Amino acid sequence: MAKEVSMEEKLWKSCNKLRGSVEPAEYKHVVLGLIFLKYAGDRFIQQQEKLKAKGQEKFMDKPEFYSKDNVFYLPEKARWNYIMDNAKQEDISIILDTAFSDIEKSNKKLRGALPSNYYTRVGLETNKLASLLDVINSIDTTKDNEQDVIGRVYEYFLSQFAIKEGKGKGEFYTPKSIVNLIAEIIEPYDGTIYDPCCGSGGMFVQSLKFIESHQGNTKNISVYGQELTGTTRKLALMNLAIRGISADLGEKAADTFANDQHKEKRFDYIMANPPFNLSDWREENELVNDYRWNGFEVPPTGNANYAWILHMLSKLSENGTAGFILSNGSLNSSGVEYNIRKKLIENGVVEAIMVLPMKLFYSTNISVSLWVLNKNKLQRTVEKNDKTKNYRNRKNEVIFFDLRNMGSPIHKKFIELTKEDRDKVVETIHNWQTDKFDTEYENIPEFCYSATVEEIREKDYELSPSQYIEFIDKDENINFDEEMTRLSKELGELLKVEEESTKKLLKIMKELDYEIQL
């Protein structure tokens, strides 16, 4: 029986055929802008039908009767049916740019979010753009709430573009199994959440999905972020708008270090996936006395890893928690970074360090680490989503995890952390944090270990989990004579196959009147 192909896969397959007319890095902006336009058009028509049903036809051209229900008001030439009626016209690119511009003018919360003046600039051929519009038009929004359907498509396309663009090009998207793990660990049920390098907004989307899946109230969360790249910031704003998420991403796209868009704010939760090992993030004489390094040495110019750590630490409220990804080099680096790491540990703000499996990210195949910082590791009782948690004092402890043996294959060459994987990690760390520690937590070889600050001092402030977690010698019971005999036999067979292949190749080349000198 043939495998059923999902709606998202069908759309991707259709749209992928249209590649070649624009650069691959641009293609996601073309497609995702149209997906947003389709979403806005569907919601607009739905709202019109509601107004008609209430006998309020006279209000159908009043923007406030759309915005009150979180629906974007669309001027006539920005509506999806108008776009499709003109999809095969030679000026369709101009029609699209005008539509986005008109939507921005009619909806203040979308100012600067849409790809205005974009489609004429990229110069996509009319017939290909028309075909693409036909594909987007095929999205069936009648079976589910269309916000879920279009949101799913948007997320799927983001992940596929990240995969296709590969190393160095996937920074706009963090795989959702990693985002889910961070959200499940820090539990952002209420308060403020911040991402200093928010990419396409995936951290926010998955955080609110986490709240909804645990019967929480998303209205109790306020979202803040910042993004350096203008086009990626637009992706984030559209991504959030599709889901009805109101977010403050600052006034513009800007460098988080050089132009902090939320300088005076402190946040209850931080989730981030900063660029790995970012170099030349400041000039030698810049940001030397910055408030974010308060009490610490100035992070080196050659690598921004510890600049990100101190930036996020400075942004946490008095009970704030941060979960973020860094390269493994940050666990045992030397020089100024060593001094900063030592002080972080002695100050008792490092909660957990987890080394993650390889091949989780679309932009790199290296193993990376997940850090959890906590400004308040003292004993206290907290209400989280109508449940009481009794946290114990763990100021002088850090929990280490090695997750390199976890994960299941996806997309042929990548893996993801399954729900079962995440549940095991989350249950373990939450038991470790709370009054369940004495009865339900234990150090597990090759998985987790609770280390004291004294033990970390003895390891000279190394934070590599392998320095603390017990590893079992799986070779101790192996019969090496038997293994070497088996391997020798296999090697002999491989060499025979190679010899036969070589003979055949030499024969073919000789028949072609070419001699290979060995």
Protein backbone atom coordinates (compact mmCIF):
# COMPACT_ATOMS: atom_id res chain seq x y z
CA MET A 1 0.00 0.00 0.00
CA ALA A 2 1.46 3.37 -1.04
CA LYS A 3 2.36 5.82 1.70
CA GLU A 4 -0.11 8.69 1.97
CA VAL A 5 1.54 11.98 1.08
CA SER A 6 0.68 14.87 3.41
CA MET A 7 -0.72 18.16 2.19
CA GLU A 8 2.54 19.87 3.12
CA GLU A 9 4.62 17.38 1.13
CA LYS A 10 2.39 17.78 -1.93
CA LEU A 11 2.80 21.54 -1.78
CA TRP A 12 6.54 21.32 -1.29
CA LYS A 13 6.92 18.93 -4.23
CA SER A 14 4.89 21.24 -6.47
CA CYS A 15 6.67 24.40 -5.39
CA ASN A 16 10.10 22.79 -5.54
CA LYS A 17 9.65 22.28 -9.29
CA LEU A 18 9.58 26.04 -9.67
CA ARG A 19 13.14 26.50 -8.45
CA GLY A 20 15.68 27.93 -10.86
CA SER A 21 14.16 31.32 -11.58
CA VAL A 22 15.46 32.90 -8.39
CA GLU A 23 18.28 32.13 -5.98
CA PRO A 24 17.41 29.33 -3.48
CA ALA A 25 18.00 31.69 -0.55
CA GLU A 26 15.34 34.03 -1.97
CA TYR A 27 12.81 31.34 -2.75
CA LYS A 28 11.49 30.96 0.78
CA HIS A 29 10.56 34.64 0.87
CA VAL A 30 8.63 34.27 -2.40
CA VAL A 31 6.68 31.23 -1.20
CA LEU A 32 6.08 32.20 2.42
CA GLY A 33 4.84 35.66 1.48
CA LEU A 34 2.18 34.08 -0.74
CA ILE A 35 1.22 31.60 1.99
CA PHE A 36 0.64 34.56 4.30
CA LEU A 37 -1.47 36.29 1.64
CA LYS A 38 -3.59 33.16 1.26
CA TYR A 39 -4.05 32.94 5.03
CA ALA A 40 -5.07 36.60 5.30
CA GLY A 41 -7.51 36.20 2.40
CA ASP A 42 -9.19 33.15 3.91
CA ARG A 43 -9.60 34.81 7.28
CA PHE A 44 -10.97 37.95 5.65
CA ILE A 45 -13.67 36.03 3.74
CA GLN A 46 -14.59 34.10 6.89
CA GLN A 47 -15.02 37.36 8.79
CA GLN A 48 -17.17 38.79 5.99
CA GLU A 49 -19.47 35.77 6.21
CA LYS A 50 -19.79 36.28 9.97
CA LEU A 51 -20.76 39.92 9.49
CA LYS A 52 -23.35 38.94 6.88
CA ALA A 53 -24.80 36.29 9.19
CA LYS A 54 -25.25 38.96 11.88
CA GLY A 55 -26.91 41.36 9.44
CA GLN A 56 -23.94 43.73 9.68
CA GLU A 57 -23.19 44.11 5.97
CA LYS A 58 -22.89 47.88 6.39
CA PHE A 59 -19.76 47.33 8.48
CA MET A 60 -17.97 45.10 5.96
CA ASP A 61 -15.67 47.91 4.84
CA LYS A 62 -14.84 49.03 8.39
CA PRO A 63 -11.31 47.82 9.40
CA GLU A 64 -12.21 47.88 13.11
CA PHE A 65 -14.79 45.12 12.58
CA TYR A 66 -11.94 42.87 11.46
CA SER A 67 -9.18 43.90 13.86
CA LYS A 68 -11.44 43.34 16.91
CA ASP A 69 -11.40 39.61 16.06
CA ASN A 70 -7.70 39.58 15.21
CA VAL A 71 -8.41 39.51 11.46
CA PHE A 72 -6.45 41.64 9.01
CA TYR A 73 -8.55 44.05 6.97
CA LEU A 74 -7.80 43.71 3.24
CA PRO A 75 -8.42 46.46 0.69
CA GLU A 76 -10.18 45.15 -2.43
CA LYS A 77 -7.04 44.70 -4.56
CA ALA A 78 -5.22 42.90 -1.75
CA ARG A 79 -7.78 40.11 -1.41
CA TRP A 80 -6.90 36.59 -2.48
CA ASN A 81 -9.75 36.28 -4.99
CA TYR A 82 -8.54 39.45 -6.74
CA ILE A 83 -4.98 38.08 -6.80
CA MET A 84 -6.13 34.80 -8.33
CA ASP A 85 -8.35 36.57 -10.90
CA ASN A 86 -5.22 38.37 -12.11
CA ALA A 87 -2.65 35.61 -11.52
CA LYS A 88 -1.83 35.21 -15.20
CA GLN A 89 -1.55 38.92 -15.98
CA GLU A 90 1.87 40.24 -17.02
CA ASP A 91 1.82 42.73 -14.12
CA ILE A 92 1.08 40.12 -11.42
CA SER A 93 4.34 41.01 -9.63
CA ILE A 94 3.21 44.64 -9.36
CA ILE A 95 -0.24 43.51 -8.20
CA LEU A 96 1.36 41.43 -5.42
CA ASP A 97 3.67 44.22 -4.26
CA THR A 98 0.74 46.64 -4.21
CA ALA A 99 -1.35 44.15 -2.23
CA PHE A 100 1.29 43.80 0.49
CA SER A 101 1.79 47.55 0.64
CA ASP A 102 -1.97 48.14 0.98
CA ILE A 103 -2.27 45.51 3.74
CA GLU A 104 0.51 47.18 5.72
CA LYS A 105 -1.20 50.57 5.40
CA SER A 106 -4.48 49.11 6.67
CA ASN A 107 -3.00 47.12 9.58
CA LYS A 108 -0.61 48.90 11.93
CA LYS A 109 0.67 45.69 13.53
CA LEU A 110 1.98 44.56 10.12
CA ARG A 111 4.03 47.68 9.38
CA GLY A 112 7.44 46.53 8.17
CA ALA A 113 6.44 42.86 8.27
CA LEU A 114 5.44 42.14 4.68
CA PRO A 115 7.53 41.77 1.50
CA SER A 116 6.49 45.08 -0.09
CA ASN A 117 8.24 45.97 -3.37
CA TYR A 118 9.67 42.45 -3.38
CA TYR A 119 8.09 40.48 -6.22
CA THR A 120 8.97 42.98 -8.94
CA ARG A 121 12.55 43.03 -7.65
CA VAL A 122 13.13 39.25 -7.75
CA GLY A 123 11.81 39.11 -11.31
CA LEU A 124 10.10 35.72 -11.24
CA GLU A 125 8.68 34.80 -14.66
CA THR A 126 4.93 35.43 -14.96
CA ASN A 127 4.05 31.85 -15.86
CA LYS A 128 6.05 30.44 -12.93
CA LEU A 129 4.56 32.93 -10.51
CA ALA A 130 1.08 32.06 -11.78
CA SER A 131 1.79 28.35 -11.32
CA LEU A 132 3.02 29.01 -7.81
CA LEU A 133 -0.14 30.94 -6.99
CA ASP A 134 -2.21 28.00 -8.25
CA VAL A 135 -0.31 25.69 -5.89
CA ILE A 136 -0.83 27.98 -2.88
CA ASN A 137 -4.49 28.33 -3.85
CA SER A 138 -4.89 24.55 -3.51
CA ILE A 139 -4.40 24.65 0.26
CA ASP A 140 -7.62 23.23 1.68
CA THR A 141 -8.67 25.31 4.68
CA THR A 142 -12.11 23.74 5.13
CA LYS A 143 -11.22 20.58 7.07
CA ASP A 144 -9.50 22.32 10.01
CA ASN A 145 -9.25 25.73 11.48
CA GLU A 146 -7.34 27.51 8.69
CA GLN A 147 -4.96 29.11 11.16
CA ASP A 148 -3.67 25.61 12.04
CA VAL A 149 -3.51 24.50 8.40
CA ILE A 150 -1.63 27.53 7.09
CA GLY A 151 0.56 27.61 10.19
CA ARG A 152 1.49 23.97 9.57
CA VAL A 153 2.33 24.69 5.95
CA TYR A 154 4.41 27.72 6.93
CA GLU A 155 6.37 25.72 9.51
CA TYR A 156 6.89 22.81 7.11
CA PHE A 157 8.23 25.10 4.41
CA LEU A 158 10.59 26.82 6.85
CA SER A 159 12.06 23.47 7.88
CA GLN A 160 12.39 22.29 4.27
CA PHE A 161 14.16 25.47 3.21
CA ALA A 162 16.54 25.13 6.15
CA ILE A 163 17.33 21.55 5.09
CA LYS A 164 17.79 22.40 1.42
CA GLU A 165 19.99 25.42 2.04
CA GLY A 166 22.24 23.36 4.29
CA LYS A 167 25.33 24.38 6.20
CA GLY A 168 25.55 28.03 7.10
CA LYS A 169 22.14 28.83 5.62
CA GLY A 170 19.73 27.36 8.17
CA GLU A 171 20.14 29.95 10.89
CA PHE A 172 16.60 31.25 10.40
CA TYR A 173 15.09 27.98 11.65
CA THR A 174 15.71 25.83 14.74
CA PRO A 175 14.34 22.26 14.46
CA LYS A 176 11.23 22.03 16.60
CA SER A 177 12.33 18.97 18.62
CA ILE A 178 15.09 21.15 20.12
CA VAL A 179 12.73 24.06 20.73
CA ASN A 180 10.25 21.69 22.36
CA LEU A 181 12.94 20.31 24.66
CA ILE A 182 13.88 23.81 25.84
CA ALA A 183 10.23 24.79 26.38
CA GLU A 184 9.46 21.58 28.27
CA ILE A 185 12.46 22.14 30.56
CA ILE A 186 11.90 25.81 31.45
CA GLU A 187 8.05 25.68 31.28
CA PRO A 188 7.19 29.23 30.10
CA TYR A 189 3.59 29.27 31.36
CA ASP A 190 3.29 32.96 32.27
CA GLY A 191 5.31 36.14 32.17
CA THR A 192 7.65 37.45 29.49
CA ILE A 193 9.62 35.38 26.98
CA TYR A 194 12.56 36.67 24.94
CA ASP A 195 14.74 35.48 22.07
CA PRO A 196 17.70 37.79 21.26
CA CYS A 197 18.28 36.18 17.83
CA CYS A 198 14.78 35.03 16.97
CA GLY A 199 15.22 33.96 13.33
CA SER A 200 11.79 33.13 11.90
CA GLY A 201 10.13 33.05 15.33
CA GLY A 202 10.08 29.30 15.90
CA MET A 203 10.94 29.59 19.60
CA PHE A 204 7.83 31.69 20.18
CA VAL A 205 5.52 29.47 18.16
CA GLN A 206 6.60 26.26 19.87
CA SER A 207 6.49 27.93 23.31
CA LEU A 208 2.87 28.90 22.84
CA LYS A 209 2.08 25.45 21.44
CA PHE A 210 3.62 24.00 24.60
CA ILE A 211 1.35 26.16 26.76
CA GLU A 212 -1.74 25.17 24.77
CA SER A 213 -0.86 21.46 24.91
CA HIS A 214 -0.69 21.70 28.71
CA GLN A 215 -4.03 23.51 28.96
CA GLY A 216 -2.35 26.79 29.83
CA ASN A 217 -3.42 30.27 28.79
CA THR A 218 -1.30 31.86 26.06
CA LYS A 219 -2.66 35.28 27.04
CA ASN A 220 -0.44 35.05 30.14
CA ILE A 221 2.71 35.27 27.99
CA SER A 222 4.21 38.39 26.37
CA VAL A 223 6.67 37.84 23.52
CA TYR A 224 9.82 39.88 22.81
CA GLY A 225 12.65 39.35 20.37
CA GLN A 226 15.20 40.76 17.99
CA GLU A 227 16.62 39.70 14.63
CA LEU A 228 19.60 41.02 12.68
CA THR A 229 18.46 40.22 9.12
CA GLY A 230 15.60 42.25 7.69
CA THR A 231 14.18 39.50 5.46
CA THR A 232 14.30 36.96 8.28
CA ARG A 233 12.59 39.42 10.62
CA LYS A 234 9.77 39.64 8.07
CA LEU A 235 9.49 35.83 8.11
CA ALA A 236 9.16 35.96 11.90
CA LEU A 237 6.52 38.68 11.87
CA MET A 238 4.45 36.79 9.28
CA ASN A 239 4.96 33.51 11.12
CA LEU A 240 3.63 35.06 14.33
CA ALA A 241 0.82 36.94 12.58
CA ILE A 242 -0.46 33.72 10.99
CA ARG A 243 -0.94 32.32 14.47
CA GLY A 244 -2.37 35.47 16.00
CA ILE A 245 0.69 35.96 18.22
CA SER A 246 1.38 39.56 19.15
CA ALA A 247 5.12 40.16 19.57
CA ASP A 248 7.50 43.05 20.10
CA LEU A 249 10.50 42.45 17.83
CA GLY A 250 11.83 45.95 18.29
CA GLU A 251 11.47 48.86 15.92
CA LYS A 252 13.67 47.34 13.22
CA ALA A 253 16.12 44.60 12.31
CA ALA A 254 19.29 45.28 14.28
CA ASP A 255 22.43 43.76 15.81
CA THR A 256 21.61 42.61 19.35
CA PHE A 257 25.01 43.61 20.71
CA ALA A 258 25.43 46.95 18.94
CA ASN A 259 21.78 48.03 19.06
CA ASP A 260 19.80 46.25 21.78
CA GLN A 261 16.12 46.86 20.98
CA HIS A 262 14.98 45.96 24.52
CA LYS A 263 17.68 47.60 26.58
CA GLU A 264 15.64 48.38 29.69
CA LYS A 265 13.62 45.16 29.84
CA ARG A 266 14.12 42.00 31.89
CA PHE A 267 12.46 38.69 31.06
CA ASP A 268 11.16 35.64 32.90
CA TYR A 269 12.15 33.19 30.17
CA ILE A 270 14.78 33.25 27.45
CA MET A 271 15.00 30.71 24.64
CA ALA A 272 17.67 31.08 21.97
CA ASN A 273 19.83 29.45 19.34
CA PRO A 274 22.57 32.05 18.72
CA PRO A 275 24.91 31.78 15.71
CA PHE A 276 27.65 29.31 16.62
CA ASN A 277 31.14 30.76 17.27
CA LEU A 278 30.34 34.17 15.77
CA SER A 279 33.59 36.06 15.17
CA ASP A 280 34.28 39.79 14.92
CA TRP A 281 31.02 40.58 16.68
CA ARG A 282 32.46 43.86 17.98
CA GLU A 283 35.47 46.07 17.34
CA GLU A 284 38.31 45.84 19.85
CA ASN A 285 37.45 49.17 21.50
CA GLU A 286 33.64 48.82 21.29
CA LEU A 287 31.23 47.75 24.07
CA VAL A 288 34.11 47.57 26.55
CA ASN A 289 32.07 49.09 29.40
CA ASP A 290 28.73 47.64 28.38
CA TYR A 291 26.22 46.99 31.19
CA ARG A 292 25.83 43.37 30.10
CA TRP A 293 29.34 42.43 31.28
CA ASN A 294 28.67 43.82 34.76
CA GLY A 295 30.91 41.94 37.21
CA PHE A 296 32.51 39.86 34.42
CA GLU A 297 35.41 40.31 32.04
CA VAL A 298 34.67 41.63 28.54
CA PRO A 299 34.04 38.69 26.15
CA PRO A 300 36.73 38.32 23.46
CA THR A 301 36.15 39.70 19.97
CA GLY A 302 37.07 36.41 18.29
CA ASN A 303 34.06 34.46 19.55
CA ALA A 304 30.63 35.71 20.67
CA ASN A 305 29.59 32.58 22.63
CA TYR A 306 30.19 34.13 26.05
CA ALA A 307 28.87 37.49 24.91
CA TRP A 308 25.57 35.73 24.21
CA ILE A 309 25.68 34.05 27.63
CA LEU A 310 26.26 37.33 29.46
CA HIS A 311 23.70 39.16 27.33
CA MET A 312 21.04 36.61 28.26
CA LEU A 313 22.06 36.51 31.92
CA SER A 314 21.75 40.31 32.10
CA LYS A 315 18.25 40.07 30.61
CA LEU A 316 16.83 37.63 33.16
CA SER A 317 14.43 38.78 35.86
CA GLU A 318 15.25 37.87 39.47
CA ASN A 319 13.59 34.46 39.07
CA GLY A 320 14.31 34.13 35.35
CA THR A 321 15.37 30.99 33.46
CA ALA A 322 17.18 30.70 30.13
CA GLY A 323 17.66 27.74 27.80
CA PHE A 324 19.95 28.17 24.80
CA ILE A 325 22.23 26.32 22.38
CA LEU A 326 26.00 26.82 22.07
CA SER A 327 28.85 24.96 20.41
CA ASN A 328 30.62 22.42 22.62
CA GLY A 329 33.80 24.49 22.58
CA SER A 330 32.17 26.82 25.10
CA LEU A 331 32.22 24.02 27.71
CA ASN A 332 35.99 24.00 28.17
CA SER A 333 37.38 27.10 26.44
CA SER A 334 40.33 28.96 27.94
CA GLY A 335 41.45 32.53 28.60
CA VAL A 336 38.78 35.15 29.24
CA GLU A 337 36.03 32.61 28.55
CA TYR A 338 37.45 30.35 31.27
CA ASN A 339 37.32 33.25 33.74
CA ILE A 340 33.72 34.07 32.83
CA ARG A 341 32.69 30.41 33.07
CA LYS A 342 34.35 30.07 36.47
CA LYS A 343 32.43 33.07 37.80
CA LEU A 344 29.12 31.82 36.36
CA ILE A 345 29.59 28.53 38.21
CA GLU A 346 30.71 30.16 41.46
CA ASN A 347 27.74 32.55 41.28
CA GLY A 348 25.43 29.53 41.12
CA VAL A 349 23.52 30.46 37.95
CA VAL A 350 24.39 27.43 35.80
CA GLU A 351 21.54 24.93 36.21
CA ALA A 352 22.11 22.26 33.56
CA ILE A 353 24.44 21.33 30.71
CA MET A 354 23.36 18.84 28.05
CA VAL A 355 25.46 17.61 25.16
CA LEU A 356 23.11 16.92 22.23
CA PRO A 357 23.31 14.33 19.45
CA MET A 358 24.96 15.08 16.12
CA LYS A 359 22.86 15.78 13.01
CA LEU A 360 20.07 17.59 14.88
CA PHE A 361 20.64 20.88 13.06
CA TYR A 362 20.18 21.61 9.38
CA SER A 363 23.02 24.15 9.38
CA THR A 364 25.71 21.97 11.01
CA ASN A 365 26.30 18.31 11.79
CA ILE A 366 28.45 18.90 14.86
CA SER A 367 27.35 17.97 18.36
CA VAL A 368 26.31 21.03 20.35
CA SER A 369 25.26 21.72 23.92
CA LEU A 370 22.13 23.02 25.60
CA TRP A 371 22.71 25.33 28.56
CA VAL A 372 20.14 26.16 31.23
CA LEU A 373 20.75 29.22 33.44
CA ASN A 374 18.62 30.03 36.47
CA LYS A 375 18.81 33.26 38.48
CA ASN A 376 17.13 31.65 41.52
CA LYS A 377 18.19 28.11 42.43
CA LEU A 378 17.21 28.51 46.08
CA GLN A 379 14.44 26.64 47.86
CA ARG A 380 11.03 28.05 46.98
CA THR A 381 7.47 27.08 46.10
CA VAL A 382 6.10 28.08 42.69
CA GLU A 383 2.64 27.79 41.09
CA LYS A 384 3.03 26.62 37.51
CA ASN A 385 -0.16 26.23 35.50
CA ASP A 386 -2.24 25.51 38.63
CA LYS A 387 0.31 22.98 39.89
CA THR A 388 2.51 23.52 42.93
CA LYS A 389 6.23 22.84 42.55
CA ASN A 390 8.49 22.73 45.58
CA TYR A 391 11.99 23.58 44.36
CA ARG A 392 14.92 22.56 46.56
CA ASN A 393 18.13 24.52 47.08
CA ARG A 394 20.56 23.49 44.34
CA LYS A 395 22.69 26.64 44.17
CA ASN A 396 25.85 24.57 44.63
CA GLU A 397 24.91 21.88 42.10
CA VAL A 398 24.80 21.48 38.32
CA ILE A 399 23.15 18.58 36.49
CA PHE A 400 24.88 17.14 33.43
CA PHE A 401 23.30 15.11 30.61
CA ASP A 402 24.76 13.17 27.69
CA LEU A 403 22.07 12.78 25.02
CA ARG A 404 24.33 11.66 22.17
CA ASN A 405 22.76 8.21 22.03
CA MET A 406 19.24 9.60 21.70
CA GLY A 407 17.31 10.60 18.60
CA SER A 408 15.57 8.97 15.64
CA PRO A 409 16.27 9.46 11.89
CA ILE A 410 14.29 11.99 9.85
CA HIS A 411 14.85 13.50 6.38
CA LYS A 412 17.40 10.74 5.55
CA LYS A 413 20.50 12.44 6.98
CA PHE A 414 19.12 14.18 10.08
CA ILE A 415 17.75 13.04 13.43
CA GLU A 416 15.26 14.45 15.94
CA LEU A 417 14.67 13.99 19.65
CA THR A 418 11.43 12.04 19.98
CA LYS A 419 8.76 12.76 22.57
CA GLU A 420 9.98 9.71 24.52
CA ASP A 421 13.54 11.10 24.47
CA ARG A 422 12.40 14.51 25.67
CA ASP A 423 10.08 13.09 28.32
CA LYS A 424 12.97 11.14 29.85
CA VAL A 425 15.18 14.23 30.02
CA VAL A 426 12.45 16.55 31.27
CA GLU A 427 11.23 14.18 33.99
CA THR A 428 14.82 13.67 35.19
CA ILE A 429 15.70 17.36 35.42
CA HIS A 430 12.39 18.27 37.07
CA ASN A 431 12.83 15.51 39.66
CA TRP A 432 16.36 16.79 40.27
CA GLN A 433 15.13 20.36 40.76
CA THR A 434 12.32 19.60 43.19
CA ASP A 435 11.50 17.79 46.42
CA LYS A 436 11.31 14.57 44.38
CA PHE A 437 15.12 14.55 44.33
CA ASP A 438 15.56 12.17 47.29
CA THR A 439 13.03 9.60 46.09
CA GLU A 440 12.90 9.82 42.30
CA TYR A 441 16.29 11.06 41.08
CA GLU A 442 19.44 9.01 40.57
CA ASN A 443 22.65 9.41 38.61
CA ILE A 444 22.45 7.14 35.55
CA PRO A 445 25.61 5.98 33.75
CA GLU A 446 25.94 7.38 30.23
CA PHE A 447 22.92 9.66 30.79
CA CYS A 448 23.02 12.06 33.75
CA TYR A 449 25.01 13.13 36.81
CA SER A 450 24.41 15.71 39.54
CA ALA A 451 27.72 17.41 40.34
CA THR A 452 28.57 19.74 43.19
CA VAL A 453 30.43 22.99 42.60
CA GLU A 454 33.29 21.44 44.56
CA GLU A 455 33.51 18.61 42.00
CA ILE A 456 33.48 21.16 39.18
CA ARG A 457 36.31 23.09 40.86
CA GLU A 458 38.32 19.86 40.99
CA LYS A 459 37.80 19.54 37.22
CA ASP A 460 39.05 23.13 36.80
CA TYR A 461 35.57 24.38 35.81
CA GLU A 462 35.19 22.03 32.83
CA LEU A 463 31.54 21.72 31.84
CA SER A 464 31.83 18.79 29.44
CA PRO A 465 29.31 16.20 30.67
CA SER A 466 31.78 13.39 29.90
CA GLN A 467 33.94 14.70 32.75
CA TYR A 468 31.24 13.80 35.27
CA ILE A 469 28.90 11.14 33.86
CA GLU A 470 29.96 7.54 34.40
CA PHE A 471 30.65 5.59 31.22
CA ILE A 472 30.55 1.80 31.09
CA ASP A 473 33.44 -0.03 29.43
CA LYS A 474 31.54 -2.05 26.86
CA ASP A 475 34.78 -3.64 25.60
CA GLU A 476 35.72 -5.43 28.81
CA ASN A 477 33.79 -8.63 27.99
CA ILE A 478 34.75 -8.83 24.32
CA ASN A 479 36.79 -11.84 23.13
CA PHE A 480 39.37 -10.03 21.03
CA ASP A 481 40.69 -13.21 19.34
CA GLU A 482 37.20 -13.99 18.05
CA GLU A 483 36.62 -10.37 16.98
CA MET A 484 39.95 -10.13 15.14
CA THR A 485 39.30 -13.47 13.39
CA ARG A 486 35.88 -12.21 12.25
CA LEU A 487 37.23 -8.85 11.11
CA SER A 488 40.15 -10.49 9.27
CA LYS A 489 37.73 -12.70 7.35
CA GLU A 490 35.55 -9.70 6.41
CA LEU A 491 38.59 -7.71 5.32
CA GLY A 492 39.82 -10.60 3.17
CA GLU A 493 36.46 -10.80 1.42
CA LEU A 494 36.47 -7.04 0.78
CA LEU A 495 39.98 -7.19 -0.68
CA LYS A 496 38.90 -10.02 -3.03
CA VAL A 497 35.98 -7.92 -4.27
CA GLU A 498 38.30 -4.96 -4.79
CA GLU A 499 40.76 -7.11 -6.74
CA GLU A 500 38.03 -8.39 -9.05
CA SER A 501 36.73 -4.84 -9.62
CA THR A 502 40.24 -3.63 -10.45
CA LYS A 503 40.72 -6.41 -13.01
CA LYS A 504 37.42 -5.56 -14.72
CA LEU A 505 38.29 -1.85 -14.84
CA LEU A 506 41.74 -2.54 -16.34
CA LYS A 507 40.17 -4.80 -18.96
CA ILE A 508 37.60 -2.17 -19.98
CA MET A 509 40.25 0.56 -20.24
CA LYS A 510 42.45 -1.71 -22.35
CA GLU A 511 39.56 -2.42 -24.73
CA LEU A 512 39.24 1.34 -25.14
CA ASP A 513 42.94 1.50 -26.05
CA TYR A 514 43.93 3.17 -22.79
CA GLU A 515 46.57 1.70 -20.54
CA ILE A 516 46.59 2.43 -16.82
CA GLN A 517 50.03 2.42 -15.26
CA LEU A 518 49.95 0.96 -11.75
